[in-house]
Amino acid sequence: MKIYTKTGDKGFTSLIGGTRVPKHHLRIESYGTVDELNSYIGLIRDQAIADEDKQTLKEIQDRLFTVGSTLASDPEKSKMKIPDLHEEDIELLEKEIDRMNVVLPELKHFILPGGNPIASYCHIARCVCRRAERIAVHLSEEEWVDDKVVIYLNRLSDYLFTLSRKVIFDNKNEENIWLPRI
């Protein structure tokens, strides 16, 4: 498998199904942002975090490849069998959020990003995830997008926020709460 194809040098690329689109197409922007998110999640996985969190992040990375392949497919022309998301994938995120929240202090304030480098990576990934969600929603207004993709991205940003809090808790750091000037 060659890494270069010599077919995208003029600003166009192919979707799964063969449709050629400009590289700035919303579908390309959508799965490109999911790819960026996946890279940040890999960065978080490479940090000193709990093994159970590393395993969940690996599962999430796998699901993000599923999301990316869904977004990279032309829904009208692709006949290729690609993996799909399941309700259980969303439920896993919810269960993990609930599991982490059991040990976390009650959330009484907005949290400012930061607290330690790992939590900061979680917040960056959360922001990229929110952007991926916004782009997927925009795309869904113009073309078909599986509803589970948008739901998954929404829940994943919640998971990443909760993971940032857990990382702060696990490392005995203080949460960086926002106390607005009034």
N, C-alpha and C. Protein backbone atom coordinates (compact mmCIF):
# COMPACT_ATOMS: atom_id res chain seq x y z
N MET A 1 0.85 -1.18 0.00
CA MET A 1 0.00 0.00 0.00
C MET A 1 0.89 1.24 0.00
N LYS A 2 0.79 2.04 -1.02
CA LYS A 2 1.59 3.26 -1.10
C LYS A 2 0.91 4.37 -0.32
N ILE A 3 1.72 5.22 0.28
CA ILE A 3 1.20 6.34 1.06
C ILE A 3 0.79 7.50 0.15
N TYR A 4 1.37 7.56 -1.03
CA TYR A 4 1.01 8.64 -1.96
C TYR A 4 0.30 8.05 -3.17
N THR A 5 -0.67 8.83 -3.70
CA THR A 5 -1.43 8.35 -4.85
C THR A 5 -1.23 9.23 -6.07
N LYS A 6 -0.74 10.45 -5.86
CA LYS A 6 -0.53 11.44 -6.92
C LYS A 6 -1.85 11.91 -7.54
N THR A 7 -2.98 11.69 -6.82
CA THR A 7 -4.26 12.12 -7.38
C THR A 7 -4.83 13.33 -6.66
N GLY A 8 -4.19 13.78 -5.59
CA GLY A 8 -4.73 14.90 -4.82
C GLY A 8 -3.92 16.17 -4.93
N ASP A 9 -3.00 16.21 -5.86
CA ASP A 9 -2.08 17.34 -5.96
C ASP A 9 -2.73 18.62 -6.50
N LYS A 10 -3.91 18.51 -7.03
CA LYS A 10 -4.57 19.69 -7.61
C LYS A 10 -5.74 20.16 -6.76
N GLY A 11 -5.74 19.77 -5.48
CA GLY A 11 -6.76 20.27 -4.57
C GLY A 11 -8.05 19.47 -4.53
N PHE A 12 -8.04 18.28 -5.12
CA PHE A 12 -9.21 17.41 -5.07
C PHE A 12 -8.82 16.07 -4.48
N THR A 13 -9.80 15.39 -3.91
CA THR A 13 -9.57 14.07 -3.35
C THR A 13 -10.83 13.23 -3.58
N SER A 14 -10.72 11.94 -3.34
CA SER A 14 -11.85 11.03 -3.56
C SER A 14 -12.45 10.58 -2.25
N LEU A 15 -13.76 10.54 -2.23
CA LEU A 15 -14.47 9.93 -1.12
C LEU A 15 -14.54 8.43 -1.35
N ILE A 16 -14.87 7.68 -0.31
CA ILE A 16 -15.14 6.26 -0.50
C ILE A 16 -16.38 6.18 -1.37
N GLY A 17 -16.27 5.55 -2.49
CA GLY A 17 -17.32 5.51 -3.49
C GLY A 17 -16.88 6.15 -4.79
N GLY A 18 -15.73 6.87 -4.73
CA GLY A 18 -15.13 7.40 -5.94
C GLY A 18 -15.44 8.85 -6.27
N THR A 19 -16.38 9.45 -5.60
CA THR A 19 -16.73 10.84 -5.89
C THR A 19 -15.54 11.75 -5.60
N ARG A 20 -15.19 12.59 -6.57
CA ARG A 20 -14.09 13.55 -6.40
C ARG A 20 -14.68 14.85 -5.86
N VAL A 21 -14.06 15.37 -4.81
CA VAL A 21 -14.51 16.62 -4.20
C VAL A 21 -13.29 17.48 -3.89
N PRO A 22 -13.48 18.81 -3.79
CA PRO A 22 -12.37 19.65 -3.40
C PRO A 22 -11.94 19.35 -1.95
N LYS A 23 -10.68 19.55 -1.67
CA LYS A 23 -10.17 19.23 -0.35
C LYS A 23 -10.76 20.11 0.75
N HIS A 24 -11.41 21.19 0.36
CA HIS A 24 -12.06 22.04 1.35
C HIS A 24 -13.53 21.66 1.56
N HIS A 25 -13.98 20.60 0.90
CA HIS A 25 -15.37 20.13 1.02
C HIS A 25 -15.68 19.85 2.49
N LEU A 26 -16.90 20.12 2.88
CA LEU A 26 -17.33 19.95 4.27
C LEU A 26 -17.14 18.51 4.75
N ARG A 27 -17.33 17.54 3.87
CA ARG A 27 -17.13 16.14 4.26
C ARG A 27 -15.66 15.88 4.58
N ILE A 28 -14.76 16.47 3.81
CA ILE A 28 -13.32 16.31 4.07
C ILE A 28 -12.94 17.02 5.37
N GLU A 29 -13.47 18.22 5.54
CA GLU A 29 -13.22 18.96 6.78
C GLU A 29 -13.72 18.17 7.99
N SER A 30 -14.84 17.51 7.82
CA SER A 30 -15.44 16.74 8.91
C SER A 30 -14.55 15.57 9.33
N TYR A 31 -14.18 14.73 8.36
CA TYR A 31 -13.37 13.58 8.78
C TYR A 31 -11.93 13.97 9.08
N GLY A 32 -11.46 15.07 8.51
CA GLY A 32 -10.13 15.56 8.86
C GLY A 32 -10.07 16.03 10.31
N THR A 33 -11.13 16.65 10.77
CA THR A 33 -11.19 17.10 12.16
C THR A 33 -11.30 15.91 13.11
N VAL A 34 -12.01 14.88 12.70
CA VAL A 34 -12.07 13.65 13.50
C VAL A 34 -10.69 13.01 13.58
N ASP A 35 -9.94 13.05 12.50
CA ASP A 35 -8.57 12.53 12.49
C ASP A 35 -7.68 13.34 13.45
N GLU A 36 -7.83 14.65 13.43
CA GLU A 36 -7.08 15.51 14.36
C GLU A 36 -7.43 15.14 15.81
N LEU A 37 -8.71 14.96 16.08
CA LEU A 37 -9.16 14.56 17.41
C LEU A 37 -8.53 13.24 17.82
N ASN A 38 -8.51 12.29 16.90
CA ASN A 38 -7.94 10.97 17.19
C ASN A 38 -6.46 11.09 17.56
N SER A 39 -5.75 12.00 16.90
CA SER A 39 -4.34 12.21 17.22
C SER A 39 -4.17 12.76 18.64
N TYR A 40 -5.01 13.69 19.03
CA TYR A 40 -4.94 14.21 20.40
C TYR A 40 -5.28 13.13 21.42
N ILE A 41 -6.23 12.28 21.10
CA ILE A 41 -6.56 11.20 22.02
C ILE A 41 -5.37 10.24 22.15
N GLY A 42 -4.67 10.01 21.05
CA GLY A 42 -3.44 9.21 21.13
C GLY A 42 -2.42 9.86 22.05
N LEU A 43 -2.31 11.18 21.99
CA LEU A 43 -1.40 11.91 22.87
C LEU A 43 -1.79 11.71 24.33
N ILE A 44 -3.08 11.79 24.63
CA ILE A 44 -3.55 11.56 26.01
C ILE A 44 -3.23 10.14 26.45
N ARG A 45 -3.47 9.18 25.57
CA ARG A 45 -3.19 7.76 25.89
C ARG A 45 -1.73 7.53 26.21
N ASP A 46 -0.85 8.32 25.63
CA ASP A 46 0.59 8.16 25.84
C ASP A 46 1.07 8.76 27.16
N GLN A 47 0.17 9.36 27.91
CA GLN A 47 0.54 9.98 29.18
C GLN A 47 0.40 8.98 30.32
N ALA A 48 0.84 9.40 31.49
CA ALA A 48 0.75 8.57 32.70
C ALA A 48 -0.67 8.69 33.27
N ILE A 49 -1.58 7.88 32.74
CA ILE A 49 -2.96 7.84 33.23
C ILE A 49 -3.30 6.40 33.58
N ALA A 50 -4.43 6.22 34.23
CA ALA A 50 -4.86 4.89 34.67
C ALA A 50 -5.02 3.96 33.47
N ASP A 51 -4.64 2.70 33.67
CA ASP A 51 -4.73 1.70 32.59
C ASP A 51 -6.16 1.56 32.06
N GLU A 52 -7.15 1.63 32.93
CA GLU A 52 -8.54 1.50 32.46
C GLU A 52 -8.91 2.68 31.56
N ASP A 53 -8.37 3.85 31.83
CA ASP A 53 -8.62 5.00 30.97
C ASP A 53 -7.89 4.84 29.63
N LYS A 54 -6.68 4.31 29.68
CA LYS A 54 -5.95 4.05 28.43
C LYS A 54 -6.72 3.07 27.55
N GLN A 55 -7.29 2.04 28.17
CA GLN A 55 -8.05 1.05 27.40
C GLN A 55 -9.30 1.67 26.79
N THR A 56 -9.98 2.50 27.55
CA THR A 56 -11.17 3.18 27.01
C THR A 56 -10.77 4.10 25.86
N LEU A 57 -9.67 4.82 26.00
CA LEU A 57 -9.21 5.72 24.94
C LEU A 57 -8.85 4.94 23.67
N LYS A 58 -8.29 3.75 23.84
CA LYS A 58 -7.98 2.92 22.67
C LYS A 58 -9.28 2.53 21.95
N GLU A 59 -10.28 2.18 22.72
CA GLU A 59 -11.60 1.85 22.15
C GLU A 59 -12.18 3.07 21.42
N ILE A 60 -12.03 4.24 22.02
CA ILE A 60 -12.52 5.47 21.40
C ILE A 60 -11.78 5.72 20.10
N GLN A 61 -10.47 5.53 20.09
CA GLN A 61 -9.71 5.73 18.85
C GLN A 61 -10.22 4.81 17.74
N ASP A 62 -10.54 3.59 18.09
CA ASP A 62 -11.09 2.66 17.11
C ASP A 62 -12.43 3.18 16.59
N ARG A 63 -13.29 3.65 17.50
CA ARG A 63 -14.59 4.18 17.07
C ARG A 63 -14.42 5.44 16.22
N LEU A 64 -13.40 6.24 16.50
CA LEU A 64 -13.19 7.43 15.68
C LEU A 64 -12.75 7.06 14.26
N PHE A 65 -12.07 5.94 14.09
CA PHE A 65 -11.79 5.46 12.73
C PHE A 65 -13.10 5.07 12.04
N THR A 66 -14.01 4.48 12.81
CA THR A 66 -15.34 4.16 12.28
C THR A 66 -16.06 5.44 11.86
N VAL A 67 -16.05 6.44 12.74
CA VAL A 67 -16.69 7.73 12.44
C VAL A 67 -16.06 8.33 11.18
N GLY A 68 -14.73 8.32 11.13
CA GLY A 68 -14.02 8.88 9.97
C GLY A 68 -14.38 8.18 8.68
N SER A 69 -14.47 6.85 8.72
CA SER A 69 -14.81 6.14 7.49
C SER A 69 -16.25 6.41 7.07
N THR A 70 -17.14 6.58 8.03
CA THR A 70 -18.52 6.94 7.72
C THR A 70 -18.57 8.31 7.05
N LEU A 71 -17.83 9.26 7.61
CA LEU A 71 -17.83 10.62 7.06
C LEU A 71 -17.10 10.69 5.72
N ALA A 72 -16.16 9.77 5.48
CA ALA A 72 -15.38 9.78 4.24
C ALA A 72 -16.11 9.09 3.08
N SER A 73 -17.28 8.53 3.36
CA SER A 73 -18.03 7.80 2.34
C SER A 73 -19.07 8.68 1.68
N ASP A 74 -19.18 8.53 0.39
CA ASP A 74 -20.27 9.17 -0.34
C ASP A 74 -21.52 8.33 -0.08
N PRO A 75 -22.49 8.86 0.66
CA PRO A 75 -23.64 8.04 1.03
C PRO A 75 -24.48 7.58 -0.16
N GLU A 76 -24.33 8.23 -1.31
CA GLU A 76 -25.13 7.86 -2.47
C GLU A 76 -24.40 6.90 -3.40
N LYS A 77 -23.07 6.84 -3.34
CA LYS A 77 -22.33 6.03 -4.31
C LYS A 77 -21.52 4.89 -3.73
N SER A 78 -21.17 4.99 -2.46
CA SER A 78 -20.29 3.97 -1.89
C SER A 78 -21.03 2.66 -1.70
N LYS A 79 -20.43 1.61 -2.23
CA LYS A 79 -20.98 0.27 -2.04
C LYS A 79 -20.07 -0.54 -1.12
N MET A 80 -18.99 0.10 -0.66
CA MET A 80 -18.05 -0.57 0.21
C MET A 80 -18.66 -0.75 1.61
N LYS A 81 -18.49 -1.92 2.16
CA LYS A 81 -18.95 -2.19 3.52
C LYS A 81 -17.96 -1.54 4.48
N ILE A 82 -18.47 -0.61 5.29
CA ILE A 82 -17.62 0.05 6.28
C ILE A 82 -18.21 -0.23 7.66
N PRO A 83 -17.38 -0.14 8.69
CA PRO A 83 -17.91 -0.36 10.04
C PRO A 83 -18.90 0.74 10.41
N ASP A 84 -19.76 0.43 11.36
CA ASP A 84 -20.71 1.45 11.78
C ASP A 84 -20.75 1.55 13.29
N LEU A 85 -21.26 2.67 13.76
CA LEU A 85 -21.41 2.88 15.20
C LEU A 85 -22.65 2.13 15.69
N HIS A 86 -22.61 1.76 16.95
CA HIS A 86 -23.73 1.10 17.59
C HIS A 86 -24.14 1.92 18.82
N GLU A 87 -25.35 1.75 19.26
CA GLU A 87 -25.81 2.41 20.48
C GLU A 87 -24.88 2.09 21.65
N GLU A 88 -24.33 0.88 21.66
CA GLU A 88 -23.43 0.47 22.75
C GLU A 88 -22.18 1.34 22.81
N ASP A 89 -21.76 1.89 21.67
CA ASP A 89 -20.58 2.76 21.65
C ASP A 89 -20.87 4.05 22.41
N ILE A 90 -22.06 4.57 22.24
CA ILE A 90 -22.47 5.78 22.97
C ILE A 90 -22.66 5.44 24.44
N GLU A 91 -23.27 4.28 24.71
CA GLU A 91 -23.49 3.85 26.08
C GLU A 91 -22.17 3.65 26.83
N LEU A 92 -21.14 3.17 26.14
CA LEU A 92 -19.84 3.01 26.78
C LEU A 92 -19.34 4.36 27.30
N LEU A 93 -19.45 5.40 26.49
CA LEU A 93 -19.02 6.73 26.94
C LEU A 93 -19.82 7.17 28.16
N GLU A 94 -21.11 6.94 28.14
CA GLU A 94 -21.95 7.32 29.27
C GLU A 94 -21.58 6.55 30.53
N LYS A 95 -21.32 5.25 30.39
CA LYS A 95 -20.91 4.44 31.54
C LYS A 95 -19.57 4.90 32.09
N GLU A 96 -18.66 5.26 31.20
CA GLU A 96 -17.35 5.74 31.65
C GLU A 96 -17.46 7.09 32.36
N ILE A 97 -18.31 7.96 31.85
CA ILE A 97 -18.55 9.24 32.52
C ILE A 97 -19.11 8.99 33.91
N ASP A 98 -20.10 8.12 34.01
CA ASP A 98 -20.70 7.79 35.31
C ASP A 98 -19.67 7.17 36.25
N ARG A 99 -18.83 6.29 35.72
CA ARG A 99 -17.80 5.64 36.55
C ARG A 99 -16.85 6.67 37.13
N MET A 100 -16.42 7.62 36.30
CA MET A 100 -15.49 8.64 36.78
C MET A 100 -16.16 9.59 37.76
N ASN A 101 -17.41 9.91 37.51
CA ASN A 101 -18.11 10.86 38.38
C ASN A 101 -18.33 10.35 39.78
N VAL A 102 -18.30 9.03 39.97
CA VAL A 102 -18.47 8.45 41.30
C VAL A 102 -17.39 8.96 42.25
N VAL A 103 -16.17 9.11 41.77
CA VAL A 103 -15.07 9.52 42.65
C VAL A 103 -14.80 11.02 42.61
N LEU A 104 -15.35 11.73 41.66
CA LEU A 104 -15.06 13.15 41.51
C LEU A 104 -15.92 14.00 42.45
N PRO A 105 -15.36 15.12 42.90
CA PRO A 105 -16.18 16.03 43.70
C PRO A 105 -17.31 16.61 42.85
N GLU A 106 -18.40 16.97 43.51
CA GLU A 106 -19.53 17.55 42.81
C GLU A 106 -19.09 18.79 42.04
N LEU A 107 -19.59 18.92 40.84
CA LEU A 107 -19.25 20.05 39.98
C LEU A 107 -20.12 21.25 40.38
N LYS A 108 -19.48 22.29 40.94
CA LYS A 108 -20.21 23.46 41.42
C LYS A 108 -19.83 24.73 40.67
N HIS A 109 -18.78 24.66 39.85
CA HIS A 109 -18.30 25.83 39.12
C HIS A 109 -17.93 25.39 37.70
N PHE A 110 -17.84 26.37 36.82
CA PHE A 110 -17.22 26.10 35.53
C PHE A 110 -15.74 25.85 35.79
N ILE A 111 -15.14 25.01 34.96
CA ILE A 111 -13.73 24.66 35.10
C ILE A 111 -12.95 25.31 33.97
N LEU A 112 -11.91 26.02 34.32
CA LEU A 112 -11.00 26.57 33.32
C LEU A 112 -10.05 25.47 32.86
N PRO A 113 -9.74 25.42 31.57
CA PRO A 113 -8.79 24.40 31.09
C PRO A 113 -7.44 24.55 31.80
N GLY A 114 -6.82 23.44 32.06
CA GLY A 114 -5.51 23.42 32.71
C GLY A 114 -5.54 22.62 33.98
N GLY A 115 -4.53 22.83 34.80
CA GLY A 115 -4.41 22.11 36.06
C GLY A 115 -3.21 21.19 36.07
N ASN A 116 -2.96 20.55 34.96
CA ASN A 116 -1.73 19.81 34.71
C ASN A 116 -1.69 19.52 33.21
N PRO A 117 -0.54 19.14 32.67
CA PRO A 117 -0.45 18.96 31.22
C PRO A 117 -1.44 17.93 30.65
N ILE A 118 -1.68 16.83 31.37
CA ILE A 118 -2.59 15.81 30.84
C ILE A 118 -4.01 16.36 30.76
N ALA A 119 -4.44 17.05 31.79
CA ALA A 119 -5.78 17.66 31.77
C ALA A 119 -5.88 18.67 30.64
N SER A 120 -4.80 19.40 30.41
CA SER A 120 -4.80 20.38 29.31
C SER A 120 -4.97 19.68 27.97
N TYR A 121 -4.31 18.54 27.78
CA TYR A 121 -4.49 17.77 26.55
C TYR A 121 -5.94 17.32 26.41
N CYS A 122 -6.55 16.91 27.53
CA CYS A 122 -7.96 16.51 27.49
C CYS A 122 -8.84 17.67 27.04
N HIS A 123 -8.55 18.86 27.54
CA HIS A 123 -9.35 20.04 27.16
C HIS A 123 -9.14 20.39 25.68
N ILE A 124 -7.92 20.27 25.20
CA ILE A 124 -7.69 20.52 23.77
C ILE A 124 -8.48 19.52 22.94
N ALA A 125 -8.41 18.24 23.32
CA ALA A 125 -9.16 17.21 22.60
C ALA A 125 -10.66 17.49 22.67
N ARG A 126 -11.15 17.94 23.83
CA ARG A 126 -12.57 18.28 23.99
C ARG A 126 -12.97 19.39 23.02
N CYS A 127 -12.12 20.40 22.89
CA CYS A 127 -12.43 21.51 21.97
C CYS A 127 -12.42 21.04 20.51
N VAL A 128 -11.47 20.21 20.15
CA VAL A 128 -11.43 19.66 18.79
C VAL A 128 -12.67 18.79 18.55
N CYS A 129 -13.06 18.05 19.57
CA CYS A 129 -14.25 17.20 19.46
C CYS A 129 -15.50 18.04 19.23
N ARG A 130 -15.61 19.14 19.95
CA ARG A 130 -16.76 20.04 19.76
C ARG A 130 -16.76 20.61 18.33
N ARG A 131 -15.58 20.94 17.83
CA ARG A 131 -15.49 21.44 16.45
C ARG A 131 -15.92 20.35 15.47
N ALA A 132 -15.45 19.12 15.70
CA ALA A 132 -15.84 18.00 14.84
C ALA A 132 -17.35 17.82 14.86
N GLU A 133 -17.94 17.96 16.03
CA GLU A 133 -19.40 17.85 16.15
C GLU A 133 -20.10 18.96 15.36
N ARG A 134 -19.61 20.20 15.50
CA ARG A 134 -20.23 21.31 14.77
C ARG A 134 -20.16 21.10 13.26
N ILE A 135 -19.01 20.63 12.79
CA ILE A 135 -18.85 20.40 11.35
C ILE A 135 -19.76 19.25 10.89
N ALA A 136 -19.86 18.19 11.70
CA ALA A 136 -20.73 17.06 11.34
C ALA A 136 -22.20 17.51 11.31
N VAL A 137 -22.59 18.36 12.24
CA VAL A 137 -23.96 18.88 12.23
C VAL A 137 -24.19 19.71 10.96
N HIS A 138 -23.23 20.56 10.63
CA HIS A 138 -23.33 21.36 9.41
C HIS A 138 -23.45 20.44 8.19
N LEU A 139 -22.60 19.44 8.12
CA LEU A 139 -22.65 18.50 7.01
C LEU A 139 -24.01 17.81 6.94
N SER A 140 -24.56 17.46 8.10
CA SER A 140 -25.85 16.75 8.13
C SER A 140 -26.99 17.61 7.61
N GLU A 141 -26.80 18.92 7.59
CA GLU A 141 -27.82 19.82 7.04
C GLU A 141 -27.79 19.81 5.51
N GLU A 142 -26.67 19.35 4.94
CA GLU A 142 -26.51 19.34 3.48
C GLU A 142 -26.53 17.95 2.88
N GLU A 143 -26.04 16.97 3.63
CA GLU A 143 -25.94 15.59 3.13
C GLU A 143 -26.27 14.64 4.27
N TRP A 144 -26.48 13.37 3.93
CA TRP A 144 -26.81 12.39 4.96
C TRP A 144 -25.59 12.12 5.84
N VAL A 145 -25.83 12.15 7.15
CA VAL A 145 -24.85 11.75 8.16
C VAL A 145 -25.61 10.92 9.19
N ASP A 146 -25.06 9.79 9.54
CA ASP A 146 -25.67 8.93 10.55
C ASP A 146 -25.84 9.74 11.84
N ASP A 147 -27.05 9.75 12.39
CA ASP A 147 -27.33 10.49 13.62
C ASP A 147 -26.40 10.07 14.76
N LYS A 148 -26.02 8.80 14.79
CA LYS A 148 -25.17 8.31 15.87
C LYS A 148 -23.79 8.98 15.85
N VAL A 149 -23.34 9.44 14.69
CA VAL A 149 -22.04 10.14 14.60
C VAL A 149 -22.09 11.42 15.42
N VAL A 150 -23.13 12.20 15.24
CA VAL A 150 -23.26 13.47 15.97
C VAL A 150 -23.44 13.20 17.47
N ILE A 151 -24.27 12.23 17.81
CA ILE A 151 -24.48 11.90 19.22
C ILE A 151 -23.17 11.42 19.85
N TYR A 152 -22.44 10.56 19.14
CA TYR A 152 -21.18 10.04 19.66
C TYR A 152 -20.19 11.18 19.93
N LEU A 153 -20.06 12.09 18.99
CA LEU A 153 -19.13 13.20 19.17
C LEU A 153 -19.56 14.09 20.33
N ASN A 154 -20.85 14.30 20.47
CA ASN A 154 -21.35 15.09 21.59
C ASN A 154 -21.00 14.43 22.92
N ARG A 155 -21.27 13.15 23.02
CA ARG A 155 -20.99 12.43 24.26
C ARG A 155 -19.49 12.33 24.52
N LEU A 156 -18.71 12.20 23.45
CA LEU A 156 -17.26 12.11 23.60
C LEU A 156 -16.69 13.39 24.19
N SER A 157 -17.21 14.54 23.81
CA SER A 157 -16.70 15.78 24.40
C SER A 157 -17.02 15.81 25.89
N ASP A 158 -18.17 15.30 26.29
CA ASP A 158 -18.49 15.20 27.72
C ASP A 158 -17.53 14.26 28.43
N TYR A 159 -17.23 13.14 27.78
CA TYR A 159 -16.27 12.18 28.34
C TYR A 159 -14.90 12.84 28.54
N LEU A 160 -14.45 13.58 27.54
CA LEU A 160 -13.13 14.21 27.63
C LEU A 160 -13.08 15.26 28.73
N PHE A 161 -14.17 15.99 28.92
CA PHE A 161 -14.24 16.95 30.03
C PHE A 161 -14.13 16.20 31.36
N THR A 162 -14.89 15.12 31.49
CA THR A 162 -14.87 14.35 32.73
C THR A 162 -13.51 13.72 32.95
N LEU A 163 -12.88 13.23 31.89
CA LEU A 163 -11.54 12.66 32.01
C LEU A 163 -10.55 13.72 32.48
N SER A 164 -10.68 14.95 32.01
CA SER A 164 -9.78 16.02 32.47
C SER A 164 -9.92 16.21 33.97
N ARG A 165 -11.14 16.15 34.47
CA ARG A 165 -11.37 16.29 35.92
C ARG A 165 -10.78 15.09 36.67
N LYS A 166 -10.94 13.90 36.10
CA LYS A 166 -10.41 12.70 36.77
C LYS A 166 -8.89 12.73 36.82
N VAL A 167 -8.27 13.20 35.76
CA VAL A 167 -6.81 13.29 35.74
C VAL A 167 -6.33 14.26 36.83
N ILE A 168 -7.02 15.36 36.98
CA ILE A 168 -6.69 16.31 38.06
C ILE A 168 -6.85 15.63 39.42
N PHE A 169 -7.96 14.92 39.60
CA PHE A 169 -8.23 14.21 40.85
C PHE A 169 -7.18 13.14 41.12
N ASP A 170 -6.88 12.32 40.11
CA ASP A 170 -5.92 11.23 40.29
C ASP A 170 -4.53 11.73 40.65
N ASN A 171 -4.18 12.91 40.15
CA ASN A 171 -2.85 13.47 40.41
C ASN A 171 -2.84 14.42 41.60
N LYS A 172 -3.98 14.49 42.32
CA LYS A 172 -4.10 15.33 43.51
C LYS A 172 -3.80 16.81 43.23
N ASN A 173 -4.18 17.24 42.03
CA ASN A 173 -4.07 18.65 41.68
C ASN A 173 -5.38 19.35 42.02
N GLU A 174 -5.35 20.66 41.99
CA GLU A 174 -6.57 21.45 42.23
C GLU A 174 -7.23 21.77 40.91
N GLU A 175 -8.56 21.66 40.88
CA GLU A 175 -9.28 22.08 39.69
C GLU A 175 -9.17 23.59 39.56
N ASN A 176 -9.07 24.02 38.33
CA ASN A 176 -8.91 25.43 38.01
C ASN A 176 -10.32 26.01 37.80
N ILE A 177 -10.98 26.38 38.90
CA ILE A 177 -12.37 26.82 38.77
C ILE A 177 -12.45 28.29 38.32
N TRP A 178 -13.53 28.57 37.66
CA TRP A 178 -13.76 29.93 37.20
C TRP A 178 -14.63 30.66 38.21
N LEU A 179 -14.09 31.74 38.74
CA LEU A 179 -14.83 32.60 39.65
C LEU A 179 -14.97 33.94 38.96
N PRO A 180 -16.12 34.17 38.32
CA PRO A 180 -16.28 35.39 37.53
C PRO A 180 -16.25 36.65 38.40
N ARG A 181 -15.71 37.71 37.83
CA ARG A 181 -15.75 39.01 38.50
C ARG A 181 -17.16 39.56 38.35
N ILE A 182 -17.73 39.95 39.43
CA ILE A 182 -19.08 40.53 39.36
C ILE A 182 -19.08 41.85 40.10
